Amino acid sequence: MTKRQYGKYKRNERDFHPTPQAAVRPLLPHLKPNTIFEEPCAGDGRLINWLEAAGHICHYSCDIEPKRADIAKFNALKIKKTKAELFITNFPWSWVLLQPLLDHLPDIAPTWTILDADIAHNKRMAPYIAHCVKIVSVGRVSWLNNGKGGFDNAAWYLFNQKYNGPTEFFGRI
């Protein structure tokens, strides 16, 4: 039996799901005060809003189809450098969209992204988990803005291509 209800919900184009505030709360203790970040898959800017409300500073945001005027129309795969301390984003979860982003951004700067918690156990993630500094459990949150929890547990992952060490895991509090 699967926990997913395929066919019951239509997939959003490009896996666009605005980041709910409940998903951001577990990340906050892992950021230093006034963290300067870039959001390369900003969508409608909700993640930026939650982080800025917590005192962090968005240096730059972009999306290939921004849903807000202050978010640049730019492909994250074309980012070459950053003046920010790190990237904080909600990557698309479809592998075809996710893999190129995992190959690119953590090479430029440490990258926090929220993903399906189970993905850490997939063989194709092994090269990425080798450079994963932290995994912070989120649990199930409502991604459809319908007040119901999601079907999959989520977690924040901190990837850094320069890191080769054990991954720290932080369970739900």
N, C-alpha and C. Protein backbone atom coordinates (compact mmCIF):
# COMPACT_ATOMS: atom_id res chain seq x y z
N MET A 1 0.84 -1.18 0.00
CA MET A 1 0.00 0.00 0.00
C MET A 1 0.89 1.25 0.00
N THR A 2 0.54 2.23 -0.78
CA THR A 2 1.31 3.47 -0.86
C THR A 2 0.67 4.56 -0.03
N LYS A 3 1.48 5.46 0.46
CA LYS A 3 0.95 6.60 1.20
C LYS A 3 0.52 7.71 0.25
N ARG A 4 0.89 7.62 -1.01
CA ARG A 4 0.53 8.63 -1.99
C ARG A 4 -0.81 8.28 -2.62
N GLN A 5 -1.53 9.26 -3.00
CA GLN A 5 -2.82 9.05 -3.64
C GLN A 5 -2.73 9.55 -5.07
N TYR A 6 -1.97 8.79 -5.89
CA TYR A 6 -1.76 9.19 -7.27
C TYR A 6 -3.09 9.37 -7.97
N GLY A 7 -3.16 10.40 -8.77
CA GLY A 7 -4.36 10.65 -9.54
C GLY A 7 -5.39 11.48 -8.80
N LYS A 8 -5.32 11.53 -7.49
CA LYS A 8 -6.30 12.30 -6.71
C LYS A 8 -5.99 13.79 -6.81
N TYR A 9 -4.70 14.15 -6.86
CA TYR A 9 -4.30 15.54 -6.95
C TYR A 9 -3.50 15.75 -8.23
N LYS A 10 -3.82 16.84 -8.93
CA LYS A 10 -3.10 17.19 -10.13
C LYS A 10 -1.76 17.82 -9.74
N ARG A 11 -0.67 17.41 -10.41
CA ARG A 11 0.65 18.01 -10.16
C ARG A 11 0.65 19.44 -10.65
N ASN A 12 1.27 20.30 -9.87
CA ASN A 12 1.44 21.69 -10.29
C ASN A 12 2.56 21.77 -11.31
N GLU A 13 2.39 22.68 -12.26
CA GLU A 13 3.42 22.88 -13.27
C GLU A 13 4.75 23.24 -12.62
N ARG A 14 5.83 22.61 -13.08
CA ARG A 14 7.19 22.81 -12.56
C ARG A 14 7.27 22.51 -11.06
N ASP A 15 6.36 21.72 -10.54
CA ASP A 15 6.35 21.35 -9.11
C ASP A 15 6.24 22.57 -8.20
N PHE A 16 5.53 23.60 -8.64
CA PHE A 16 5.40 24.80 -7.83
C PHE A 16 4.45 24.55 -6.67
N HIS A 17 5.00 24.63 -5.47
CA HIS A 17 4.22 24.55 -4.23
C HIS A 17 4.78 25.59 -3.28
N PRO A 18 4.04 26.66 -3.00
CA PRO A 18 4.54 27.68 -2.08
C PRO A 18 4.91 27.06 -0.73
N THR A 19 5.99 27.53 -0.15
CA THR A 19 6.49 26.97 1.10
C THR A 19 5.64 27.46 2.27
N PRO A 20 5.01 26.52 2.98
CA PRO A 20 4.20 26.93 4.14
C PRO A 20 5.08 27.33 5.32
N GLN A 21 4.58 28.23 6.14
CA GLN A 21 5.35 28.70 7.29
C GLN A 21 5.74 27.55 8.21
N ALA A 22 4.86 26.59 8.38
CA ALA A 22 5.15 25.44 9.26
C ALA A 22 6.39 24.68 8.80
N ALA A 23 6.67 24.71 7.51
CA ALA A 23 7.85 24.01 6.99
C ALA A 23 9.14 24.78 7.28
N VAL A 24 9.05 26.08 7.50
CA VAL A 24 10.23 26.91 7.72
C VAL A 24 10.67 26.90 9.18
N ARG A 25 9.73 26.78 10.10
CA ARG A 25 10.06 26.86 11.53
C ARG A 25 11.20 25.94 11.96
N PRO A 26 11.25 24.67 11.55
CA PRO A 26 12.35 23.80 11.99
C PRO A 26 13.73 24.24 11.49
N LEU A 27 13.77 24.99 10.40
CA LEU A 27 15.05 25.46 9.84
C LEU A 27 15.64 26.61 10.66
N LEU A 28 14.82 27.45 11.20
CA LEU A 28 15.27 28.70 11.82
C LEU A 28 16.36 28.54 12.87
N PRO A 29 16.31 27.54 13.77
CA PRO A 29 17.39 27.40 14.75
C PRO A 29 18.75 27.05 14.13
N HIS A 30 18.77 26.66 12.86
CA HIS A 30 20.01 26.25 12.19
C HIS A 30 20.63 27.38 11.36
N LEU A 31 20.01 28.55 11.42
CA LEU A 31 20.54 29.72 10.72
C LEU A 31 21.08 30.69 11.75
N LYS A 32 22.23 31.27 11.43
CA LYS A 32 22.76 32.28 12.35
C LYS A 32 21.89 33.54 12.23
N PRO A 33 21.86 34.37 13.27
CA PRO A 33 21.05 35.59 13.20
C PRO A 33 21.44 36.45 11.98
N ASN A 34 20.44 37.02 11.35
CA ASN A 34 20.64 37.92 10.21
C ASN A 34 21.38 37.27 9.04
N THR A 35 21.11 36.02 8.80
CA THR A 35 21.71 35.32 7.66
C THR A 35 21.36 36.03 6.36
N ILE A 36 22.37 36.23 5.52
CA ILE A 36 22.16 36.82 4.19
C ILE A 36 22.09 35.66 3.19
N PHE A 37 20.96 35.55 2.51
CA PHE A 37 20.73 34.40 1.63
C PHE A 37 20.23 34.85 0.26
N GLU A 38 20.31 33.92 -0.68
CA GLU A 38 19.68 34.08 -1.99
C GLU A 38 18.63 32.98 -2.13
N GLU A 39 17.53 33.31 -2.79
CA GLU A 39 16.46 32.35 -3.05
C GLU A 39 16.37 32.16 -4.56
N PRO A 40 16.97 31.06 -5.11
CA PRO A 40 17.04 30.88 -6.56
C PRO A 40 15.82 30.24 -7.22
N CYS A 41 14.88 29.75 -6.42
CA CYS A 41 13.65 29.16 -6.94
C CYS A 41 12.49 29.80 -6.18
N ALA A 42 12.40 31.11 -6.26
CA ALA A 42 11.57 31.90 -5.34
C ALA A 42 10.07 31.80 -5.56
N GLY A 43 9.62 31.43 -6.75
CA GLY A 43 8.19 31.30 -6.97
C GLY A 43 7.43 32.56 -6.61
N ASP A 44 6.57 32.46 -5.60
CA ASP A 44 5.77 33.62 -5.17
C ASP A 44 6.39 34.36 -3.99
N GLY A 45 7.59 33.93 -3.57
CA GLY A 45 8.32 34.64 -2.53
C GLY A 45 7.92 34.31 -1.10
N ARG A 46 7.07 33.31 -0.94
CA ARG A 46 6.61 32.99 0.42
C ARG A 46 7.74 32.59 1.35
N LEU A 47 8.69 31.80 0.86
CA LEU A 47 9.83 31.40 1.70
C LEU A 47 10.63 32.64 2.11
N ILE A 48 10.81 33.56 1.21
CA ILE A 48 11.50 34.82 1.52
C ILE A 48 10.76 35.53 2.65
N ASN A 49 9.44 35.62 2.52
CA ASN A 49 8.64 36.31 3.54
C ASN A 49 8.86 35.70 4.93
N TRP A 50 8.81 34.37 5.02
CA TRP A 50 8.96 33.69 6.32
C TRP A 50 10.35 33.93 6.88
N LEU A 51 11.38 33.87 6.04
CA LEU A 51 12.75 34.05 6.51
C LEU A 51 13.01 35.51 6.92
N GLU A 52 12.52 36.44 6.13
CA GLU A 52 12.71 37.85 6.49
C GLU A 52 11.94 38.20 7.77
N ALA A 53 10.79 37.62 7.96
CA ALA A 53 10.03 37.85 9.19
C ALA A 53 10.80 37.36 10.42
N ALA A 54 11.70 36.40 10.20
CA ALA A 54 12.53 35.86 11.29
C ALA A 54 13.86 36.62 11.41
N GLY A 55 14.04 37.70 10.63
CA GLY A 55 15.22 38.54 10.76
C GLY A 55 16.33 38.28 9.76
N HIS A 56 16.11 37.39 8.80
CA HIS A 56 17.13 37.09 7.80
C HIS A 56 16.98 38.03 6.60
N ILE A 57 18.02 38.10 5.79
CA ILE A 57 18.07 39.11 4.73
C ILE A 57 18.23 38.43 3.37
N CYS A 58 17.27 38.67 2.48
CA CYS A 58 17.35 38.13 1.13
C CYS A 58 18.14 39.10 0.26
N HIS A 59 19.31 38.66 -0.18
CA HIS A 59 20.19 39.48 -1.02
C HIS A 59 19.70 39.50 -2.47
N TYR A 60 19.14 38.37 -2.93
CA TYR A 60 18.72 38.25 -4.32
C TYR A 60 17.73 37.09 -4.41
N SER A 61 16.74 37.24 -5.28
CA SER A 61 15.81 36.15 -5.53
C SER A 61 15.50 36.09 -7.02
N CYS A 62 15.27 34.87 -7.49
CA CYS A 62 14.93 34.69 -8.89
C CYS A 62 14.09 33.42 -9.06
N ASP A 63 13.51 33.30 -10.23
CA ASP A 63 12.74 32.12 -10.60
C ASP A 63 12.59 32.16 -12.12
N ILE A 64 12.44 31.01 -12.74
CA ILE A 64 12.26 31.03 -14.20
C ILE A 64 10.87 31.55 -14.56
N GLU A 65 9.92 31.45 -13.62
CA GLU A 65 8.59 32.05 -13.80
C GLU A 65 8.19 32.72 -12.49
N PRO A 66 8.77 33.88 -12.19
CA PRO A 66 8.46 34.54 -10.91
C PRO A 66 6.98 34.93 -10.83
N LYS A 67 6.48 34.84 -9.63
CA LYS A 67 5.08 35.15 -9.41
C LYS A 67 4.92 36.43 -8.57
N ARG A 68 5.99 37.23 -8.56
CA ARG A 68 5.99 38.49 -7.82
C ARG A 68 6.94 39.44 -8.53
N ALA A 69 6.61 40.72 -8.59
CA ALA A 69 7.38 41.70 -9.37
C ALA A 69 8.80 41.89 -8.87
N ASP A 70 9.06 41.71 -7.58
CA ASP A 70 10.41 41.94 -7.05
C ASP A 70 11.32 40.71 -7.14
N ILE A 71 10.85 39.66 -7.79
CA ILE A 71 11.66 38.45 -8.00
C ILE A 71 12.11 38.46 -9.46
N ALA A 72 13.42 38.39 -9.67
CA ALA A 72 13.98 38.44 -11.02
C ALA A 72 13.59 37.20 -11.83
N LYS A 73 13.37 37.40 -13.12
CA LYS A 73 13.14 36.27 -14.03
C LYS A 73 14.52 35.79 -14.48
N PHE A 74 14.96 34.67 -13.91
CA PHE A 74 16.30 34.17 -14.19
C PHE A 74 16.34 32.69 -13.84
N ASN A 75 17.07 31.94 -14.62
CA ASN A 75 17.22 30.50 -14.40
C ASN A 75 18.34 30.25 -13.38
N ALA A 76 18.04 29.58 -12.29
CA ALA A 76 19.02 29.30 -11.23
C ALA A 76 20.23 28.54 -11.75
N LEU A 77 20.07 27.79 -12.82
CA LEU A 77 21.19 27.03 -13.38
C LEU A 77 22.21 27.93 -14.07
N LYS A 78 21.87 29.21 -14.25
CA LYS A 78 22.81 30.16 -14.85
C LYS A 78 23.51 31.02 -13.80
N ILE A 79 23.18 30.83 -12.53
CA ILE A 79 23.87 31.57 -11.47
C ILE A 79 25.33 31.11 -11.45
N LYS A 80 26.25 32.06 -11.42
CA LYS A 80 27.68 31.73 -11.44
C LYS A 80 28.36 32.03 -10.12
N LYS A 81 27.81 32.96 -9.33
CA LYS A 81 28.40 33.31 -8.04
C LYS A 81 27.33 33.97 -7.18
N THR A 82 27.66 34.15 -5.92
CA THR A 82 26.76 34.83 -5.00
C THR A 82 27.57 35.64 -4.00
N LYS A 83 27.00 36.74 -3.56
CA LYS A 83 27.58 37.51 -2.48
C LYS A 83 26.92 37.14 -1.15
N ALA A 84 25.90 36.31 -1.22
CA ALA A 84 25.20 35.86 -0.02
C ALA A 84 26.00 34.74 0.66
N GLU A 85 25.64 34.45 1.90
CA GLU A 85 26.31 33.38 2.65
C GLU A 85 25.90 32.01 2.14
N LEU A 86 24.66 31.91 1.69
CA LEU A 86 24.15 30.62 1.24
C LEU A 86 22.87 30.80 0.45
N PHE A 87 22.44 29.70 -0.16
CA PHE A 87 21.15 29.65 -0.83
C PHE A 87 20.17 28.99 0.14
N ILE A 88 18.96 29.49 0.18
CA ILE A 88 17.87 28.83 0.90
C ILE A 88 16.71 28.80 -0.07
N THR A 89 16.19 27.59 -0.34
CA THR A 89 15.20 27.46 -1.40
C THR A 89 14.33 26.23 -1.20
N ASN A 90 13.31 26.16 -1.99
CA ASN A 90 12.43 25.00 -2.07
C ASN A 90 12.52 24.50 -3.50
N PHE A 91 13.49 23.61 -3.75
CA PHE A 91 13.67 23.06 -5.10
C PHE A 91 12.42 22.28 -5.53
N PRO A 92 12.21 22.17 -6.84
CA PRO A 92 11.20 21.23 -7.33
C PRO A 92 11.60 19.81 -6.91
N TRP A 93 10.64 18.97 -6.60
CA TRP A 93 10.96 17.62 -6.12
C TRP A 93 11.07 16.60 -7.24
N SER A 94 10.62 16.90 -8.44
CA SER A 94 10.76 15.97 -9.57
C SER A 94 12.24 15.83 -9.89
N TRP A 95 12.73 14.60 -10.00
CA TRP A 95 14.15 14.36 -10.19
C TRP A 95 14.72 15.08 -11.41
N VAL A 96 13.98 15.12 -12.49
CA VAL A 96 14.46 15.75 -13.72
C VAL A 96 14.73 17.24 -13.51
N LEU A 97 14.02 17.88 -12.61
CA LEU A 97 14.25 19.29 -12.28
C LEU A 97 15.22 19.45 -11.11
N LEU A 98 15.15 18.52 -10.17
CA LEU A 98 15.96 18.60 -8.96
C LEU A 98 17.45 18.33 -9.21
N GLN A 99 17.76 17.27 -9.94
CA GLN A 99 19.16 16.87 -10.11
C GLN A 99 20.06 17.98 -10.65
N PRO A 100 19.69 18.69 -11.71
CA PRO A 100 20.59 19.75 -12.19
C PRO A 100 20.84 20.84 -11.14
N LEU A 101 19.83 21.14 -10.32
CA LEU A 101 20.00 22.14 -9.28
C LEU A 101 20.94 21.65 -8.18
N LEU A 102 20.82 20.36 -7.82
CA LEU A 102 21.72 19.77 -6.83
C LEU A 102 23.16 19.70 -7.35
N ASP A 103 23.31 19.53 -8.65
CA ASP A 103 24.65 19.49 -9.25
C ASP A 103 25.28 20.89 -9.29
N HIS A 104 24.46 21.91 -9.38
CA HIS A 104 24.97 23.26 -9.64
C HIS A 104 25.14 24.14 -8.39
N LEU A 105 24.06 24.40 -7.67
CA LEU A 105 24.11 25.42 -6.62
C LEU A 105 25.02 25.10 -5.43
N PRO A 106 25.04 23.87 -4.90
CA PRO A 106 25.95 23.60 -3.77
C PRO A 106 27.43 23.71 -4.12
N ASP A 107 27.72 23.77 -5.42
CA ASP A 107 29.09 24.00 -5.89
C ASP A 107 29.47 25.47 -5.72
N ILE A 108 28.48 26.35 -5.71
CA ILE A 108 28.71 27.80 -5.60
C ILE A 108 28.71 28.24 -4.14
N ALA A 109 27.73 27.74 -3.37
CA ALA A 109 27.61 28.12 -1.96
C ALA A 109 26.80 27.05 -1.23
N PRO A 110 26.95 26.94 0.08
CA PRO A 110 26.11 26.01 0.83
C PRO A 110 24.63 26.27 0.49
N THR A 111 23.88 25.20 0.36
CA THR A 111 22.50 25.29 -0.11
C THR A 111 21.55 24.53 0.79
N TRP A 112 20.64 25.26 1.43
CA TRP A 112 19.55 24.64 2.17
C TRP A 112 18.38 24.47 1.22
N THR A 113 17.79 23.28 1.17
CA THR A 113 16.57 23.06 0.41
C THR A 113 15.69 22.09 1.17
N ILE A 114 14.41 22.23 1.01
CA ILE A 114 13.46 21.31 1.63
C ILE A 114 13.06 20.28 0.58
N LEU A 115 13.11 19.01 0.99
CA LEU A 115 12.79 17.91 0.08
C LEU A 115 12.02 16.84 0.84
N ASP A 116 11.55 15.89 0.10
CA ASP A 116 10.94 14.69 0.67
C ASP A 116 11.98 14.03 1.59
N ALA A 117 11.61 13.72 2.82
CA ALA A 117 12.56 13.14 3.77
C ALA A 117 13.09 11.79 3.29
N ASP A 118 12.28 11.03 2.59
CA ASP A 118 12.69 9.70 2.13
C ASP A 118 13.79 9.74 1.07
N ILE A 119 13.96 10.87 0.42
CA ILE A 119 14.93 10.94 -0.69
C ILE A 119 16.35 10.63 -0.23
N ALA A 120 16.63 10.88 1.04
CA ALA A 120 17.98 10.60 1.57
C ALA A 120 18.34 9.12 1.47
N HIS A 121 17.35 8.26 1.34
CA HIS A 121 17.57 6.82 1.30
C HIS A 121 17.63 6.25 -0.11
N ASN A 122 17.47 7.10 -1.12
CA ASN A 122 17.51 6.64 -2.51
C ASN A 122 18.95 6.53 -3.00
N LYS A 123 19.24 5.47 -3.76
CA LYS A 123 20.60 5.27 -4.28
C LYS A 123 21.08 6.44 -5.11
N ARG A 124 20.19 7.03 -5.91
CA ARG A 124 20.63 8.13 -6.77
C ARG A 124 21.03 9.37 -5.97
N MET A 125 20.66 9.42 -4.70
CA MET A 125 21.04 10.56 -3.85
C MET A 125 22.39 10.36 -3.18
N ALA A 126 22.98 9.18 -3.26
CA ALA A 126 24.24 8.88 -2.57
C ALA A 126 25.33 9.92 -2.83
N PRO A 127 25.57 10.33 -4.08
CA PRO A 127 26.62 11.32 -4.29
C PRO A 127 26.33 12.67 -3.63
N TYR A 128 25.06 12.99 -3.46
CA TYR A 128 24.66 14.26 -2.86
C TYR A 128 24.70 14.18 -1.33
N ILE A 129 24.27 13.06 -0.80
CA ILE A 129 24.29 12.87 0.66
C ILE A 129 25.74 12.86 1.15
N ALA A 130 26.67 12.47 0.31
CA ALA A 130 28.09 12.51 0.69
C ALA A 130 28.55 13.94 0.99
N HIS A 131 27.82 14.93 0.48
CA HIS A 131 28.15 16.34 0.71
C HIS A 131 27.02 17.05 1.47
N CYS A 132 26.27 16.27 2.23
CA CYS A 132 25.16 16.82 3.01
C CYS A 132 25.64 17.07 4.44
N VAL A 133 25.59 18.30 4.86
CA VAL A 133 26.07 18.69 6.18
C VAL A 133 25.04 18.35 7.25
N LYS A 134 23.77 18.69 6.98
CA LYS A 134 22.70 18.49 7.96
C LYS A 134 21.41 18.07 7.27
N ILE A 135 20.61 17.31 8.02
CA ILE A 135 19.23 17.03 7.64
C ILE A 135 18.38 17.41 8.85
N VAL A 136 17.39 18.27 8.63
CA VAL A 136 16.52 18.74 9.70
C VAL A 136 15.10 18.29 9.39
N SER A 137 14.56 17.44 10.22
CA SER A 137 13.22 16.90 10.02
C SER A 137 12.16 17.98 10.14
N VAL A 138 11.19 17.94 9.24
CA VAL A 138 10.05 18.85 9.25
C VAL A 138 8.78 18.10 9.59
N GLY A 139 8.64 16.88 9.05
CA GLY A 139 7.39 16.13 9.19
C GLY A 139 6.47 16.45 8.03
N ARG A 140 5.20 16.21 8.23
CA ARG A 140 4.21 16.45 7.17
C ARG A 140 3.58 17.81 7.34
N VAL A 141 3.57 18.57 6.26
CA VAL A 141 2.94 19.90 6.26
C VAL A 141 2.00 19.98 5.06
N SER A 142 1.08 20.92 5.11
CA SER A 142 0.13 21.12 4.03
C SER A 142 0.77 21.95 2.92
N TRP A 143 0.98 21.33 1.78
CA TRP A 143 1.55 22.01 0.61
C TRP A 143 0.46 22.52 -0.32
N LEU A 144 -0.76 22.07 -0.12
CA LEU A 144 -1.84 22.42 -1.03
C LEU A 144 -2.73 23.54 -0.48
N ASN A 145 -2.32 24.12 0.64
CA ASN A 145 -3.11 25.18 1.28
C ASN A 145 -4.55 24.74 1.52
N ASN A 146 -4.71 23.46 1.88
CA ASN A 146 -6.05 22.96 2.14
C ASN A 146 -6.23 22.56 3.61
N GLY A 147 -5.24 22.89 4.44
CA GLY A 147 -5.35 22.59 5.87
C GLY A 147 -5.06 21.15 6.24
N LYS A 148 -4.80 20.30 5.24
CA LYS A 148 -4.51 18.89 5.49
C LYS A 148 -3.00 18.67 5.37
N GLY A 149 -2.46 17.78 6.19
CA GLY A 149 -1.04 17.44 6.10
C GLY A 149 -0.72 16.79 4.77
N GLY A 150 0.54 16.87 4.38
CA GLY A 150 0.96 16.25 3.14
C GLY A 150 1.03 14.73 3.26
N PHE A 151 1.31 14.08 2.16
CA PHE A 151 1.43 12.62 2.15
C PHE A 151 2.84 12.18 2.50
N ASP A 152 3.81 13.07 2.32
CA ASP A 152 5.21 12.72 2.55
C ASP A 152 5.81 13.57 3.65
N ASN A 153 6.69 12.97 4.43
CA ASN A 153 7.46 13.73 5.40
C ASN A 153 8.49 14.54 4.63
N ALA A 154 8.75 15.74 5.13
CA ALA A 154 9.73 16.61 4.50
C ALA A 154 10.89 16.84 5.46
N ALA A 155 12.01 17.29 4.91
CA ALA A 155 13.18 17.63 5.71
C ALA A 155 13.97 18.70 4.98
N TRP A 156 14.66 19.52 5.75
CA TRP A 156 15.61 20.48 5.19
C TRP A 156 16.96 19.79 5.06
N TYR A 157 17.62 19.98 3.94
CA TYR A 157 18.94 19.41 3.67
C TYR A 157 19.90 20.56 3.42
N LEU A 158 21.07 20.50 4.05
CA LEU A 158 22.12 21.50 3.79
C LEU A 158 23.22 20.81 3.00
N PHE A 159 23.32 21.16 1.71
CA PHE A 159 24.32 20.59 0.82
C PHE A 159 25.46 21.59 0.64
N ASN A 160 26.70 21.06 0.63
CA ASN A 160 27.88 21.88 0.41
C ASN A 160 28.90 20.99 -0.30
N GLN A 161 29.19 21.30 -1.54
CA GLN A 161 30.09 20.47 -2.34
C GLN A 161 31.48 20.35 -1.73
N LYS A 162 31.86 21.32 -0.91
CA LYS A 162 33.19 21.30 -0.28
C LYS A 162 33.21 20.45 1.00
N TYR A 163 32.06 19.96 1.43
CA TYR A 163 31.97 19.20 2.68
C TYR A 163 32.07 17.70 2.42
N ASN A 164 32.91 17.03 3.16
CA ASN A 164 33.01 15.57 3.13
C ASN A 164 33.11 15.09 4.57
N GLY A 165 32.01 14.78 5.15
CA GLY A 165 31.99 14.33 6.53
C GLY A 165 30.65 13.72 6.85
N PRO A 166 30.44 13.38 8.10
CA PRO A 166 29.16 12.78 8.48
C PRO A 166 28.03 13.81 8.41
N THR A 167 26.87 13.35 8.08
CA THR A 167 25.69 14.20 8.04
C THR A 167 25.06 14.20 9.43
N GLU A 168 24.81 15.40 9.95
CA GLU A 168 24.11 15.52 11.24
C GLU A 168 22.62 15.47 10.97
N PHE A 169 21.91 14.71 11.79
CA PHE A 169 20.46 14.61 11.66
C PHE A 169 19.80 15.23 12.89
N PHE A 170 18.80 16.06 12.64
CA PHE A 170 18.06 16.70 13.70
C PHE A 170 16.59 16.30 13.56
N GLY A 171 16.11 15.52 14.52
CA GLY A 171 14.73 15.07 14.51
C GLY A 171 13.77 16.16 14.90
N ARG A 172 12.51 15.85 14.81
CA ARG A 172 11.48 16.84 15.16
C ARG A 172 11.49 17.11 16.65
N ILE A 173 11.24 18.34 16.97
CA ILE A 173 11.20 18.73 18.39
C ILE A 173 9.77 18.85 18.85
